[in-house]
Amino acid sequence: MSSIHGYTFSCVSRMVDRRFVLGDEGREHFRMFMRMRENFTGCRVVTYCVMSNHFHVLLEVPPVSEDGISGGLLVKRLAALYPERFVAGVEAELAGARKDGNEVLVAEIHARFT
């Protein structure tokens, strides 16, 4: 299904052998990790349902420009998953590559995460 924002996908996944493995704490961890990935990828979880042996997610995936994402947006998204010190290192690496006019290195840094 296409929208002005990109594409929308309905995702379902069951646990191995349909085991009941997600209790209250497990479902809360699932939600936390789902939101972290949502912030990192730029996708939007429209709605979801997490049960003890499976989950449903309605996911909107935005279009990506042909130029990819900016360095600033990459750094912001990295902060959703990685510690501040790691993100600062990537940001410094990007700044150094730009300062040297090394667009190949800038592209390589982006490619590690996108």
N, C-alpha and C. Protein backbone atom coordinates (compact mmCIF):
# COMPACT_ATOMS: atom_id res chain seq x y z
N MET A 1 0.85 -1.16 0.00
CA MET A 1 0.00 0.00 0.00
C MET A 1 0.91 1.23 0.00
N SER A 2 0.68 2.14 -0.91
CA SER A 2 1.49 3.34 -1.00
C SER A 2 0.74 4.52 -0.41
N SER A 3 1.47 5.47 0.14
CA SER A 3 0.87 6.69 0.66
C SER A 3 1.76 7.85 0.26
N ILE A 4 1.33 9.06 0.54
CA ILE A 4 2.16 10.21 0.22
C ILE A 4 3.42 10.22 1.07
N HIS A 5 3.43 9.43 2.12
CA HIS A 5 4.57 9.37 3.03
C HIS A 5 5.53 8.23 2.71
N GLY A 6 5.16 7.34 1.82
CA GLY A 6 6.00 6.18 1.54
C GLY A 6 5.14 4.96 1.39
N TYR A 7 5.55 3.89 2.03
CA TYR A 7 4.81 2.64 1.96
C TYR A 7 4.41 2.19 3.35
N THR A 8 3.30 1.45 3.41
CA THR A 8 2.82 0.93 4.69
C THR A 8 2.81 -0.59 4.60
N PHE A 9 3.36 -1.23 5.63
CA PHE A 9 3.44 -2.68 5.67
C PHE A 9 2.79 -3.21 6.93
N SER A 10 2.10 -4.32 6.78
CA SER A 10 1.56 -5.05 7.92
C SER A 10 2.50 -6.21 8.19
N CYS A 11 3.08 -6.25 9.39
CA CYS A 11 4.07 -7.28 9.74
C CYS A 11 3.54 -8.13 10.88
N VAL A 12 3.73 -9.43 10.76
CA VAL A 12 3.33 -10.38 11.81
C VAL A 12 4.49 -11.35 12.01
N SER A 13 4.79 -11.66 13.25
CA SER A 13 5.81 -12.66 13.52
C SER A 13 5.40 -13.48 14.73
N ARG A 14 5.59 -14.77 14.63
CA ARG A 14 5.28 -15.68 15.73
C ARG A 14 6.57 -16.20 16.34
N MET A 15 6.50 -16.58 17.60
CA MET A 15 7.65 -17.16 18.28
C MET A 15 7.88 -18.59 17.77
N VAL A 16 9.09 -19.08 17.90
CA VAL A 16 9.43 -20.43 17.48
C VAL A 16 8.51 -21.41 18.22
N ASP A 17 7.98 -22.36 17.50
CA ASP A 17 7.07 -23.38 18.04
C ASP A 17 5.85 -22.76 18.70
N ARG A 18 5.57 -21.51 18.38
CA ARG A 18 4.43 -20.77 18.96
C ARG A 18 4.45 -20.76 20.48
N ARG A 19 5.68 -20.79 21.02
CA ARG A 19 5.84 -20.76 22.48
C ARG A 19 5.33 -19.45 23.05
N PHE A 20 4.85 -19.50 24.26
CA PHE A 20 4.41 -18.31 24.98
C PHE A 20 5.61 -17.82 25.80
N VAL A 21 6.37 -16.88 25.26
CA VAL A 21 7.61 -16.47 25.90
C VAL A 21 7.60 -15.02 26.39
N LEU A 22 6.66 -14.21 25.92
CA LEU A 22 6.66 -12.80 26.30
C LEU A 22 5.65 -12.53 27.41
N GLY A 23 6.18 -12.36 28.62
CA GLY A 23 5.34 -11.92 29.72
C GLY A 23 5.27 -10.40 29.71
N ASP A 24 4.79 -9.81 30.78
CA ASP A 24 4.68 -8.35 30.85
C ASP A 24 6.02 -7.66 30.64
N GLU A 25 7.06 -8.16 31.31
CA GLU A 25 8.39 -7.55 31.18
C GLU A 25 8.94 -7.72 29.76
N GLY A 26 8.75 -8.89 29.17
CA GLY A 26 9.22 -9.15 27.81
C GLY A 26 8.53 -8.26 26.79
N ARG A 27 7.21 -8.07 26.97
CA ARG A 27 6.47 -7.20 26.05
C ARG A 27 6.93 -5.76 26.19
N GLU A 28 7.26 -5.33 27.41
CA GLU A 28 7.76 -3.97 27.61
C GLU A 28 9.14 -3.79 26.95
N HIS A 29 10.00 -4.79 27.06
CA HIS A 29 11.29 -4.74 26.37
C HIS A 29 11.09 -4.69 24.86
N PHE A 30 10.16 -5.48 24.36
CA PHE A 30 9.86 -5.47 22.93
C PHE A 30 9.46 -4.05 22.49
N ARG A 31 8.56 -3.43 23.24
CA ARG A 31 8.12 -2.07 22.90
C ARG A 31 9.29 -1.09 22.91
N MET A 32 10.15 -1.19 23.91
CA MET A 32 11.30 -0.30 24.00
C MET A 32 12.22 -0.47 22.78
N PHE A 33 12.55 -1.72 22.43
CA PHE A 33 13.41 -1.97 21.27
C PHE A 33 12.74 -1.54 19.98
N MET A 34 11.42 -1.77 19.88
CA MET A 34 10.69 -1.36 18.69
C MET A 34 10.77 0.16 18.51
N ARG A 35 10.58 0.91 19.59
CA ARG A 35 10.64 2.37 19.51
C ARG A 35 12.05 2.87 19.21
N MET A 36 13.07 2.18 19.74
CA MET A 36 14.46 2.55 19.43
C MET A 36 14.72 2.38 17.93
N ARG A 37 14.28 1.26 17.37
CA ARG A 37 14.48 1.02 15.93
C ARG A 37 13.65 1.99 15.10
N GLU A 38 12.48 2.32 15.59
CA GLU A 38 11.63 3.30 14.89
C GLU A 38 12.37 4.64 14.80
N ASN A 39 12.95 5.09 15.89
CA ASN A 39 13.70 6.34 15.89
C ASN A 39 14.95 6.26 15.02
N PHE A 40 15.60 5.11 14.99
CA PHE A 40 16.81 4.96 14.20
C PHE A 40 16.50 4.94 12.70
N THR A 41 15.48 4.23 12.31
CA THR A 41 15.21 4.04 10.88
C THR A 41 14.42 5.18 10.25
N GLY A 42 13.70 5.93 11.06
CA GLY A 42 12.84 6.96 10.48
C GLY A 42 11.49 6.41 10.06
N CYS A 43 11.28 5.12 10.28
CA CYS A 43 9.98 4.52 10.00
C CYS A 43 9.02 4.94 11.11
N ARG A 44 7.72 4.74 10.88
CA ARG A 44 6.74 5.11 11.90
C ARG A 44 5.85 3.91 12.18
N VAL A 45 5.79 3.52 13.44
CA VAL A 45 4.88 2.45 13.85
C VAL A 45 3.51 3.10 14.00
N VAL A 46 2.61 2.75 13.09
CA VAL A 46 1.27 3.32 13.09
C VAL A 46 0.46 2.73 14.24
N THR A 47 0.54 1.42 14.37
CA THR A 47 -0.12 0.73 15.47
C THR A 47 0.55 -0.63 15.63
N TYR A 48 0.36 -1.23 16.79
CA TYR A 48 0.97 -2.54 17.03
C TYR A 48 0.20 -3.26 18.12
N CYS A 49 0.43 -4.57 18.19
CA CYS A 49 -0.14 -5.40 19.24
C CYS A 49 0.90 -6.48 19.55
N VAL A 50 1.32 -6.55 20.81
CA VAL A 50 2.31 -7.54 21.23
C VAL A 50 1.63 -8.50 22.19
N MET A 51 1.63 -9.78 21.82
CA MET A 51 1.05 -10.81 22.67
C MET A 51 2.15 -11.75 23.14
N SER A 52 1.82 -12.71 23.92
CA SER A 52 2.85 -13.56 24.52
C SER A 52 3.56 -14.47 23.52
N ASN A 53 2.93 -14.75 22.38
CA ASN A 53 3.59 -15.64 21.41
C ASN A 53 3.68 -15.07 19.99
N HIS A 54 3.24 -13.84 19.78
CA HIS A 54 3.41 -13.21 18.47
C HIS A 54 3.12 -11.71 18.57
N PHE A 55 3.42 -11.01 17.47
CA PHE A 55 3.12 -9.58 17.44
C PHE A 55 2.68 -9.16 16.04
N HIS A 56 1.98 -8.04 15.99
CA HIS A 56 1.54 -7.40 14.76
C HIS A 56 2.05 -5.96 14.80
N VAL A 57 2.56 -5.48 13.67
CA VAL A 57 3.01 -4.10 13.57
C VAL A 57 2.54 -3.56 12.22
N LEU A 58 1.92 -2.38 12.24
CA LEU A 58 1.59 -1.67 11.01
C LEU A 58 2.64 -0.57 10.90
N LEU A 59 3.48 -0.67 9.87
CA LEU A 59 4.68 0.15 9.77
C LEU A 59 4.65 1.02 8.52
N GLU A 60 4.88 2.30 8.71
CA GLU A 60 4.97 3.23 7.58
C GLU A 60 6.45 3.50 7.31
N VAL A 61 6.88 3.24 6.09
CA VAL A 61 8.26 3.44 5.69
C VAL A 61 8.31 4.66 4.77
N PRO A 62 8.99 5.72 5.20
CA PRO A 62 9.00 6.93 4.39
C PRO A 62 9.91 6.79 3.17
N PRO A 63 9.64 7.57 2.14
CA PRO A 63 10.56 7.54 0.99
C PRO A 63 11.90 8.14 1.40
N VAL A 64 12.96 7.66 0.77
CA VAL A 64 14.30 8.19 1.03
C VAL A 64 14.74 8.92 -0.22
N SER A 65 15.26 10.12 -0.04
CA SER A 65 15.71 10.87 -1.21
C SER A 65 16.89 10.14 -1.86
N GLU A 66 17.11 10.41 -3.12
CA GLU A 66 18.21 9.77 -3.83
C GLU A 66 19.55 10.14 -3.22
N ASP A 67 19.62 11.27 -2.54
CA ASP A 67 20.85 11.71 -1.89
C ASP A 67 21.06 11.04 -0.54
N GLY A 68 20.11 10.23 -0.09
CA GLY A 68 20.21 9.59 1.22
C GLY A 68 19.85 10.57 2.33
N ILE A 69 20.33 10.31 3.53
CA ILE A 69 20.03 11.19 4.65
C ILE A 69 21.25 12.06 4.95
N SER A 70 21.00 13.20 5.52
CA SER A 70 22.09 14.13 5.84
C SER A 70 22.92 13.59 7.00
N GLY A 71 24.11 14.15 7.14
CA GLY A 71 24.98 13.76 8.26
C GLY A 71 24.34 14.07 9.59
N GLY A 72 23.66 15.22 9.67
CA GLY A 72 22.99 15.59 10.92
C GLY A 72 21.90 14.61 11.30
N LEU A 73 21.12 14.18 10.31
CA LEU A 73 20.05 13.22 10.57
C LEU A 73 20.63 11.86 10.94
N LEU A 74 21.73 11.48 10.29
CA LEU A 74 22.38 10.22 10.63
C LEU A 74 22.81 10.23 12.10
N VAL A 75 23.45 11.32 12.52
CA VAL A 75 23.92 11.42 13.91
C VAL A 75 22.73 11.37 14.87
N LYS A 76 21.65 12.05 14.54
CA LYS A 76 20.45 12.04 15.38
C LYS A 76 19.88 10.63 15.50
N ARG A 77 19.85 9.92 14.38
CA ARG A 77 19.32 8.55 14.41
C ARG A 77 20.23 7.60 15.17
N LEU A 78 21.54 7.79 15.04
CA LEU A 78 22.47 6.94 15.78
C LEU A 78 22.26 7.08 17.28
N ALA A 79 21.90 8.28 17.72
CA ALA A 79 21.67 8.52 19.15
C ALA A 79 20.52 7.69 19.70
N ALA A 80 19.65 7.20 18.82
CA ALA A 80 18.54 6.35 19.27
C ALA A 80 19.01 4.96 19.67
N LEU A 81 20.19 4.54 19.19
CA LEU A 81 20.66 3.18 19.45
C LEU A 81 21.98 3.09 20.19
N TYR A 82 22.83 4.09 20.01
CA TYR A 82 24.20 3.99 20.50
C TYR A 82 24.48 4.97 21.64
N PRO A 83 25.47 4.66 22.46
CA PRO A 83 25.85 5.57 23.55
C PRO A 83 26.37 6.91 22.99
N GLU A 84 26.24 7.93 23.81
CA GLU A 84 26.63 9.28 23.42
C GLU A 84 28.08 9.35 22.94
N ARG A 85 28.96 8.64 23.61
CA ARG A 85 30.38 8.68 23.25
C ARG A 85 30.62 8.11 21.84
N PHE A 86 29.93 7.03 21.52
CA PHE A 86 30.05 6.43 20.19
C PHE A 86 29.55 7.40 19.12
N VAL A 87 28.39 8.00 19.38
CA VAL A 87 27.79 8.94 18.43
C VAL A 87 28.72 10.13 18.22
N ALA A 88 29.32 10.63 19.29
CA ALA A 88 30.25 11.76 19.19
C ALA A 88 31.45 11.38 18.33
N GLY A 89 31.92 10.15 18.44
CA GLY A 89 33.03 9.68 17.62
C GLY A 89 32.69 9.65 16.14
N VAL A 90 31.48 9.18 15.82
CA VAL A 90 31.04 9.14 14.42
C VAL A 90 30.88 10.57 13.90
N GLU A 91 30.31 11.43 14.73
CA GLU A 91 30.13 12.84 14.34
C GLU A 91 31.48 13.49 14.06
N ALA A 92 32.48 13.22 14.90
CA ALA A 92 33.83 13.78 14.69
C ALA A 92 34.46 13.20 13.43
N GLU A 93 34.24 11.92 13.19
CA GLU A 93 34.77 11.28 11.99
C GLU A 93 34.16 11.90 10.73
N LEU A 94 32.85 12.14 10.76
CA LEU A 94 32.19 12.80 9.63
C LEU A 94 32.73 14.21 9.42
N ALA A 95 32.87 14.96 10.51
CA ALA A 95 33.36 16.34 10.43
C ALA A 95 34.78 16.37 9.85
N GLY A 96 35.63 15.46 10.29
CA GLY A 96 37.00 15.40 9.79
C GLY A 96 37.05 15.07 8.30
N ALA A 97 36.21 14.13 7.88
CA ALA A 97 36.17 13.76 6.46
C ALA A 97 35.68 14.92 5.61
N ARG A 98 34.67 15.64 6.11
CA ARG A 98 34.16 16.80 5.37
C ARG A 98 35.21 17.91 5.30
N LYS A 99 35.88 18.13 6.41
CA LYS A 99 36.91 19.18 6.46
C LYS A 99 38.02 18.91 5.44
N ASP A 100 38.35 17.61 5.29
CA ASP A 100 39.39 17.21 4.33
C ASP A 100 38.84 17.13 2.90
N GLY A 101 37.53 17.33 2.75
CA GLY A 101 36.91 17.22 1.42
C GLY A 101 36.86 15.79 0.91
N ASN A 102 36.89 14.83 1.84
CA ASN A 102 36.91 13.42 1.48
C ASN A 102 35.49 12.86 1.44
N GLU A 103 34.79 13.11 0.33
CA GLU A 103 33.40 12.66 0.20
C GLU A 103 33.29 11.14 0.12
N VAL A 104 34.34 10.49 -0.34
CA VAL A 104 34.33 9.02 -0.38
C VAL A 104 34.26 8.47 1.04
N LEU A 105 35.03 9.04 1.96
CA LEU A 105 35.00 8.60 3.35
C LEU A 105 33.66 8.93 3.99
N VAL A 106 33.11 10.10 3.68
CA VAL A 106 31.78 10.47 4.19
C VAL A 106 30.77 9.42 3.76
N ALA A 107 30.82 9.03 2.50
CA ALA A 107 29.89 8.01 1.97
C ALA A 107 30.11 6.66 2.66
N GLU A 108 31.38 6.31 2.92
CA GLU A 108 31.67 5.05 3.61
C GLU A 108 31.13 5.05 5.03
N ILE A 109 31.24 6.17 5.71
CA ILE A 109 30.70 6.27 7.09
C ILE A 109 29.19 6.09 7.05
N HIS A 110 28.53 6.78 6.13
CA HIS A 110 27.08 6.63 5.99
C HIS A 110 26.71 5.18 5.70
N ALA A 111 27.47 4.55 4.81
CA ALA A 111 27.16 3.17 4.40
C ALA A 111 27.25 2.17 5.56
N ARG A 112 28.06 2.47 6.56
CA ARG A 112 28.15 1.57 7.72
C ARG A 112 26.83 1.48 8.46
N PHE A 113 26.02 2.52 8.38
CA PHE A 113 24.81 2.58 9.21
C PHE A 113 23.50 2.61 8.42
N THR A 114 23.57 2.76 7.10
CA THR A 114 22.33 2.91 6.33
C THR A 114 22.13 1.77 5.37
